[in-house]
Structure formats: C-alpha cells, structure tokens
C-alpha cells in the first residue's frame, strides 16, 4: 500500500471532505440534543428530520451523477455547488426556532450532499488508475471520517472550555466549511474537454429492465438495507436519555467516527484484493449486529 501513488486530485478532494466533515460533525451530533432540549421535540421529530434529509440526498445523487455525464464529464461545478449549498445552510441550523425550520434547513444541507456526492466520487474515479481505486476511495473515506472525529472533538472542547452555546458552536461550523469550499474551487482542476466531445448530446435513458441483472440485484439489496438502517443520531439521543452530558456524547460520536477512519483505508485495500462484494457484505453484517446489540 503506497499513498504516494494516489493522484493529487484525490488528495485535494480528501482534504475537502476532511474540512467539510469537520464542519458537519460540529453540527450533526448536536441535532438530537437541540431537538430534545432547545426545541422540545423527541424521537419522532428526529426520525422525520433525518429520514427526509437522507431521502432528498439519495434521490439527487442519481440525477447529479447522470447530469455530470450529460455535461461531458465536467463534474467540478456540481461538486462545488453541493459543497457551497451545504455550508451555507448548515450553520443556519443554530438559528432554527422550531423543528420544522430545522427540518427545512437540514433538507437543504442534504440537497447539497445529493448534488456533490456522485460527481465528487466520479472525479476520484476519473483521476485514479483502476488497480488502486479501492485505495483511493479508502483514503478519501479515511479523511472524511478523520474530519468527523475532529469536528466532534472541536465541538466538545468548545462547549467544555468556553461559554458558547449549542447554537453558537453550530454557527462557527461555517469556518471549516468555507475552507473546504475554497479548496475544491482553487485546488481541483478538470482536464479540458476536446472540441469534438459530445458534451451536449443527450445520453441514452436508463430503463430499469435494461440495467445489468447484477446491478439491479445490488440496488434492491442496497434499498432494503438503507430502508432498515437506523440513523446513527439515535445513538446520541439514546445517550442523552441515559443522562450523558453533551461533551460525553460528542466524545462518543468522535470514537464512532475514529473507528470508521481507522478501518477505511484497510477496507479499501482489502476490497482491491478480495473483491468489493465480500467487503460490502461484511460491513453490512457488522453494522446490523452492532445495532441489534445496542437496541437490546
């Protein structure tokens, strides 16, 4: 495993994800606490907020990835728009005066995620030789999760050692978010498209029945897993119900993301060696087992 083989574009996009997740995880673990305390809402509101937000993001991923293909592979613009939108909406969660307003802002945040995710992943794939794509995506996920760890710990430190409120911490998340946006704007380039490229010709439609059978099976399984998957923010809400302090909950959230960060690169390398399917299956089984133990 040699990180030096990873292209510069992937390194920059990994840093973008680091700062974006640093900003995001200063906010996301505080949402259940904000709902339960400041906004006097409960688990139903949390489920609605996270469910609607994730549904919006999922629906937009297909459109944004497909649209970046329609643009002849020019993907950076959509990624920039997605990161920018999220980092405009997310800090405003600190000003939400009711859970429906929080739902609206969280949905806008996830619109940004839906816009950027597929084009960004395509940028990583376009820049990386096939034989090290598992390593490249694993590195990207490691930076992403490292930012999540940092965001949780920054929020915990600020709340423990300053007089800032939850809402003020959320507002300050705009700073690392802005750094991430500037990195992708000025640090990531795209290869110039040749003049003969058919950038504006419509691509063929994607009828469901014309997709490969293996892909359709995978999408059905993915849909079922996503439908059954509980949001990890419920762990924070459960901890709050058990009497954990806000700082303790943020440290718990940081440990969760640290575990992800430490396993991401190794998981990518193993996927290159053993195949993607066994690693996906192992990850899903581990996730389901962990939540079943937590629920019990």
Protein backbone atom coordinates (compact mmCIF):
# COMPACT_ATOMS: atom_id res chain seq x y z
CA UNK A 1 0.00 0.00 0.00
CA UNK A 2 1.61 3.28 -1.14
CA UNK A 3 -0.19 6.57 -0.56
CA UNK A 4 2.36 8.25 -2.87
CA UNK A 5 0.64 6.57 -5.84
CA UNK A 6 -2.63 8.37 -5.14
CA UNK A 7 -3.21 11.27 -7.60
CA UNK A 8 -3.09 14.90 -6.41
CA UNK A 9 -6.76 15.39 -7.28
CA UNK A 10 -7.73 12.63 -4.87
CA UNK A 11 -5.57 14.15 -2.11
CA UNK A 12 -7.21 17.56 -2.55
CA UNK A 13 -10.71 16.05 -2.64
CA UNK A 14 -9.84 14.12 0.52
CA UNK A 15 -8.86 17.39 2.22
CA UNK A 16 -12.10 18.96 1.00
CA UNK A 17 -14.03 16.12 2.60
CA UNK A 18 -11.96 16.47 5.78
CA UNK A 19 -12.89 20.12 6.27
CA UNK A 20 -16.47 19.62 5.15
CA UNK A 21 -16.93 16.78 7.64
CA UNK A 22 -15.14 18.77 10.32
CA UNK A 23 -17.87 21.39 9.83
CA UNK A 24 -20.66 18.84 9.51
CA UNK A 25 -19.75 16.91 12.66
CA UNK A 26 -19.64 20.08 14.71
CA UNK A 27 -23.37 20.16 13.93
CA UNK A 28 -24.87 16.70 13.28
CA UNK A 29 -24.36 15.16 16.76
CA UNK A 30 -25.86 18.32 18.26
CA UNK A 31 -29.11 17.99 16.28
CA UNK A 32 -30.68 15.33 18.58
CA UNK A 33 -29.69 17.38 21.64
CA UNK A 34 -31.02 20.58 20.07
CA UNK A 35 -34.31 18.86 19.29
CA UNK A 36 -34.65 17.31 22.75
CA UNK A 37 -33.73 20.43 24.74
CA UNK A 38 -33.97 23.78 22.95
CA UNK A 39 -36.78 22.81 20.54
CA UNK A 40 -38.62 20.43 22.90
CA UNK A 41 -39.06 17.71 20.25
CA UNK A 42 -38.49 13.96 20.54
CA UNK A 43 -37.55 10.82 18.59
CA UNK A 44 -40.35 11.20 16.04
CA UNK A 45 -39.10 14.63 15.02
CA UNK A 46 -35.51 13.34 14.84
CA UNK A 47 -36.59 10.42 12.65
CA UNK A 48 -38.52 12.76 10.37
CA UNK A 49 -35.64 15.24 10.10
CA UNK A 50 -33.02 12.60 9.30
CA UNK A 51 -35.34 10.46 7.14
CA UNK A 52 -36.50 13.28 4.90
CA UNK A 53 -32.97 14.70 4.66
CA UNK A 54 -31.46 11.36 3.64
CA UNK A 55 -34.25 10.68 1.14
CA UNK A 56 -33.63 14.04 -0.53
CA UNK A 57 -29.89 13.34 -0.75
CA UNK A 58 -30.43 9.84 -2.17
CA UNK A 59 -32.80 10.99 -4.90
CA UNK A 60 -30.46 13.76 -6.00
CA UNK A 61 -27.40 11.51 -6.22
CA UNK A 62 -28.74 9.70 -9.29
CA UNK A 63 -29.66 12.96 -11.02
CA UNK A 64 -26.36 14.71 -10.26
CA UNK A 65 -24.20 11.80 -11.35
CA UNK A 66 -26.17 11.39 -14.56
CA UNK A 67 -26.17 15.13 -15.25
CA UNK A 68 -22.39 15.30 -14.86
CA UNK A 69 -22.22 12.66 -17.61
CA UNK A 70 -24.54 14.78 -19.77
CA UNK A 71 -22.08 17.65 -19.30
CA UNK A 72 -19.37 15.55 -20.89
CA UNK A 73 -17.70 14.59 -17.63
CA UNK A 74 -17.43 18.16 -16.31
CA UNK A 75 -18.19 17.33 -12.71
CA UNK A 76 -16.46 20.01 -10.65
CA UNK A 77 -19.25 22.59 -11.00
CA UNK A 78 -21.85 20.29 -9.43
CA UNK A 79 -19.46 19.32 -6.64
CA UNK A 80 -18.71 22.97 -5.87
CA UNK A 81 -22.43 23.83 -5.88
CA UNK A 82 -23.15 20.96 -3.49
CA UNK A 83 -20.43 21.85 -1.03
CA UNK A 84 -21.35 25.52 -1.18
CA UNK A 85 -25.06 24.93 -0.58
CA UNK A 86 -24.44 22.64 2.40
CA UNK A 87 -22.05 25.07 4.01
CA UNK A 88 -24.49 27.94 3.58
CA UNK A 89 -27.44 26.07 5.09
CA UNK A 90 -25.76 24.06 7.86
CA UNK A 91 -24.62 26.92 10.13
CA UNK A 92 -28.15 28.36 10.00
CA UNK A 93 -29.38 25.31 11.93
CA UNK A 94 -28.13 27.16 15.00
CA UNK A 95 -30.78 29.83 14.40
CA UNK A 96 -33.71 27.43 13.93
CA UNK A 97 -36.57 28.33 16.25
CA UNK A 98 -38.67 25.20 15.67
CA UNK A 99 -38.19 21.66 14.43
CA UNK A 100 -39.95 22.27 11.06
CA UNK A 101 -37.44 25.06 10.33
CA UNK A 102 -34.66 22.70 11.36
CA UNK A 103 -36.14 20.07 9.02
CA UNK A 104 -36.12 22.56 6.14
CA UNK A 105 -32.51 23.65 6.72
CA UNK A 106 -31.33 20.07 7.21
CA UNK A 107 -33.01 19.10 3.94
CA UNK A 108 -31.24 21.96 2.13
CA UNK A 109 -27.97 20.74 3.65
CA UNK A 110 -28.66 17.27 2.26
CA UNK A 111 -29.62 18.69 -1.13
CA UNK A 112 -26.02 19.87 -1.20
CA UNK A 113 -24.83 16.36 -0.35
CA UNK A 114 -27.02 14.90 -3.08
CA UNK A 115 -25.62 17.33 -5.63
CA UNK A 116 -21.96 16.77 -4.80
CA UNK A 117 -21.58 13.10 -3.86
CA UNK A 118 -21.82 11.34 -7.24
CA UNK A 119 -19.81 13.95 -9.22
CA UNK A 120 -17.13 14.02 -6.49
CA UNK A 121 -16.85 10.23 -6.48
CA UNK A 122 -16.66 10.30 -10.27
CA UNK A 123 -13.82 12.85 -10.03
CA UNK A 124 -11.97 10.44 -7.74
CA UNK A 125 -12.58 7.53 -10.12
CA UNK A 126 -11.65 9.55 -13.22
CA UNK A 127 -8.32 10.58 -11.67
CA UNK A 128 -7.32 7.15 -10.33
CA UNK A 129 -5.90 4.09 -12.13
CA UNK A 130 -8.27 1.11 -11.78
CA UNK A 131 -5.80 -1.03 -9.84
CA UNK A 132 -5.66 1.42 -6.89
CA UNK A 133 -9.23 2.74 -6.84
CA UNK A 134 -10.02 0.85 -3.66
CA UNK A 135 -7.02 2.55 -2.01
CA UNK A 136 -8.08 5.96 -3.37
CA UNK A 137 -11.65 5.67 -2.12
CA UNK A 138 -10.44 4.23 1.18
CA UNK A 139 -8.09 7.21 1.63
CA UNK A 140 -10.91 9.59 0.80
CA UNK A 141 -13.20 7.93 3.35
CA UNK A 142 -10.42 8.00 5.95
CA UNK A 143 -10.01 11.77 5.55
CA UNK A 144 -13.79 12.13 5.62
CA UNK A 145 -14.06 10.22 8.90
CA UNK A 146 -10.98 11.93 10.36
CA UNK A 147 -12.74 15.25 9.77
CA UNK A 148 -15.79 13.85 11.53
CA UNK A 149 -13.64 12.90 14.53
CA UNK A 150 -12.07 16.36 14.57
CA UNK A 151 -15.42 18.12 14.32
CA UNK A 152 -16.87 16.25 17.27
CA UNK A 153 -13.78 16.89 19.40
CA UNK A 154 -13.66 20.57 18.45
CA UNK A 155 -17.31 20.97 19.42
CA UNK A 156 -16.71 19.09 22.69
CA UNK A 157 -13.69 21.25 23.56
CA UNK A 158 -15.50 24.49 22.77
CA UNK A 159 -18.53 23.53 24.86
CA UNK A 160 -16.35 22.31 27.74
CA UNK A 161 -13.95 25.25 27.93
CA UNK A 162 -15.84 28.26 26.58
CA UNK A 163 -19.10 29.98 27.27
CA UNK A 164 -20.53 29.33 23.81
CA UNK A 165 -23.98 27.80 23.46
CA UNK A 166 -25.00 24.93 21.17
CA UNK A 167 -26.35 27.43 18.64
CA UNK A 168 -23.10 29.43 18.62
CA UNK A 169 -21.00 26.29 18.07
CA UNK A 170 -23.21 25.42 15.10
CA UNK A 171 -22.73 28.91 13.64
CA UNK A 172 -18.92 28.61 13.96
CA UNK A 173 -19.04 25.49 11.77
CA UNK A 174 -19.10 27.91 8.83
CA UNK A 175 -15.31 28.43 9.17
CA UNK A 176 -14.02 24.92 8.31
CA UNK A 177 -16.85 24.60 5.79
CA UNK A 178 -15.60 27.68 3.94
CA UNK A 179 -12.05 26.26 3.88
CA UNK A 180 -13.35 23.10 2.22
CA UNK A 181 -15.24 25.06 -0.43
CA UNK A 182 -12.17 27.17 -1.23
CA UNK A 183 -10.03 24.05 -1.56
CA UNK A 184 -12.26 22.50 -4.21
CA UNK A 185 -12.70 25.80 -6.06
CA UNK A 186 -8.99 26.60 -6.29
CA UNK A 187 -7.30 23.21 -5.80
CA UNK A 188 -9.16 20.82 -8.08
CA UNK A 189 -8.90 21.08 -11.85
CA UNK A 190 -10.53 19.18 -14.69
CA UNK A 191 -9.00 18.11 -17.95
CA UNK A 192 -10.09 20.39 -20.80
CA UNK A 193 -12.79 18.75 -22.88
CA UNK A 194 -11.84 18.20 -26.54
CA UNK A 195 -13.76 20.30 -29.05
CA UNK A 196 -15.19 17.20 -30.68
CA UNK A 197 -16.56 15.89 -27.36
CA UNK A 198 -20.30 15.32 -27.47
CA UNK A 199 -20.86 17.21 -24.23
CA UNK A 200 -24.35 18.39 -25.01
CA UNK A 201 -25.76 15.33 -26.76
CA UNK A 202 -28.36 13.60 -24.61
CA UNK A 203 -27.26 10.30 -23.13
CA UNK A 204 -29.41 7.21 -23.55
CA UNK A 205 -32.10 6.74 -20.95
CA UNK A 206 -31.61 4.20 -18.18
CA UNK A 207 -34.69 1.95 -18.16
CA UNK A 208 -34.67 -0.30 -15.11
CA UNK A 209 -35.04 -3.52 -17.11
CA UNK A 210 -32.06 -2.64 -19.30
CA UNK A 211 -29.70 -2.40 -16.33
CA UNK A 212 -27.48 -5.45 -15.80
CA UNK A 213 -29.11 -8.11 -13.63
CA UNK A 214 -26.27 -7.99 -11.09
CA UNK A 215 -26.65 -4.21 -10.74
CA UNK A 216 -30.43 -4.48 -10.26
CA UNK A 217 -29.97 -7.09 -7.54
CA UNK A 218 -27.41 -4.92 -5.80
CA UNK A 219 -29.68 -1.86 -5.94
CA UNK A 220 -32.60 -3.84 -4.47
CA UNK A 221 -30.41 -5.07 -1.62
CA UNK A 222 -29.00 -1.58 -1.09
CA UNK A 223 -32.51 -0.12 -0.96
CA UNK A 224 -33.63 -2.69 1.62
CA UNK A 225 -30.55 -2.11 3.76
CA UNK A 226 -30.96 1.66 3.61
CA UNK A 227 -34.66 1.40 4.44
CA UNK A 228 -33.95 -0.74 7.51
CA UNK A 229 -30.89 1.24 8.62
CA UNK A 230 -31.39 3.46 11.65
CA UNK A 231 -29.71 6.86 11.73
CA UNK A 232 -26.67 6.93 13.97
CA UNK A 233 -28.00 10.13 15.54
CA UNK A 234 -30.40 7.93 17.51
CA UNK A 235 -27.33 6.70 19.43
CA UNK A 236 -26.80 10.28 20.58
CA UNK A 237 -30.46 10.66 21.53
CA UNK A 238 -30.33 7.39 23.48
CA UNK A 239 -27.22 8.54 25.30
CA UNK A 240 -28.96 11.81 26.18
CA UNK A 241 -31.90 9.84 27.58
CA UNK A 242 -29.45 7.82 29.71
CA UNK A 243 -28.09 11.01 31.24
CA UNK A 244 -24.83 11.52 29.34
CA UNK A 245 -23.60 15.10 29.11
CA UNK A 246 -23.27 16.91 25.80
CA UNK A 247 -19.46 16.69 25.94
CA UNK A 248 -19.61 12.94 26.68
CA UNK A 249 -21.98 12.43 23.73
CA UNK A 250 -19.63 14.32 21.43
CA UNK A 251 -16.69 12.18 22.57
CA UNK A 252 -18.79 9.06 21.93
CA UNK A 253 -19.55 10.37 18.43
CA UNK A 254 -15.84 11.05 17.86
CA UNK A 255 -14.94 7.47 18.88
CA UNK A 256 -17.54 6.15 16.44
CA UNK A 257 -16.03 8.14 13.58
CA UNK A 258 -12.47 7.31 14.63
CA UNK A 259 -13.33 3.64 14.23
CA UNK A 260 -14.56 4.36 10.71
CA UNK A 261 -11.42 6.34 9.87
CA UNK A 262 -9.06 3.61 11.11
CA UNK A 263 -10.77 0.92 9.03
CA UNK A 264 -11.44 2.86 5.80
CA UNK A 265 -8.04 2.59 4.11
CA UNK A 266 -7.56 -1.06 5.12
CA UNK A 267 -11.07 -1.84 3.91
CA UNK A 268 -10.30 -0.26 0.53
CA UNK A 269 -7.08 -2.26 0.17
CA UNK A 270 -8.88 -5.48 1.11
CA UNK A 271 -11.58 -4.67 -1.43
CA UNK A 272 -8.90 -4.45 -4.14
CA UNK A 273 -7.51 -7.83 -3.06
CA UNK A 274 -10.58 -9.83 -2.04
CA UNK A 275 -13.31 -8.17 -4.07
CA UNK A 276 -15.88 -5.49 -3.35
CA UNK A 277 -18.82 -7.81 -2.63
CA UNK A 278 -17.30 -9.68 0.36
CA UNK A 279 -16.24 -6.41 2.00
CA UNK A 280 -19.67 -4.79 1.50
CA UNK A 281 -21.37 -7.88 2.92
CA UNK A 282 -19.05 -7.96 5.94
CA UNK A 283 -19.65 -4.25 6.61
CA UNK A 284 -23.42 -4.60 6.46
CA UNK A 285 -23.44 -7.65 8.73
CA UNK A 286 -21.21 -5.87 11.26
CA UNK A 287 -23.45 -2.79 11.17
CA UNK A 288 -26.62 -4.83 11.68
CA UNK A 289 -25.08 -6.85 14.53
CA UNK A 290 -23.84 -3.71 16.31
CA UNK A 291 -27.28 -2.04 16.17
CA UNK A 292 -29.05 -5.20 17.31
CA UNK A 293 -26.77 -5.35 20.38
CA UNK A 294 -27.27 -1.62 21.03
CA UNK A 295 -31.06 -1.99 20.78
CA UNK A 296 -31.02 -4.97 23.14
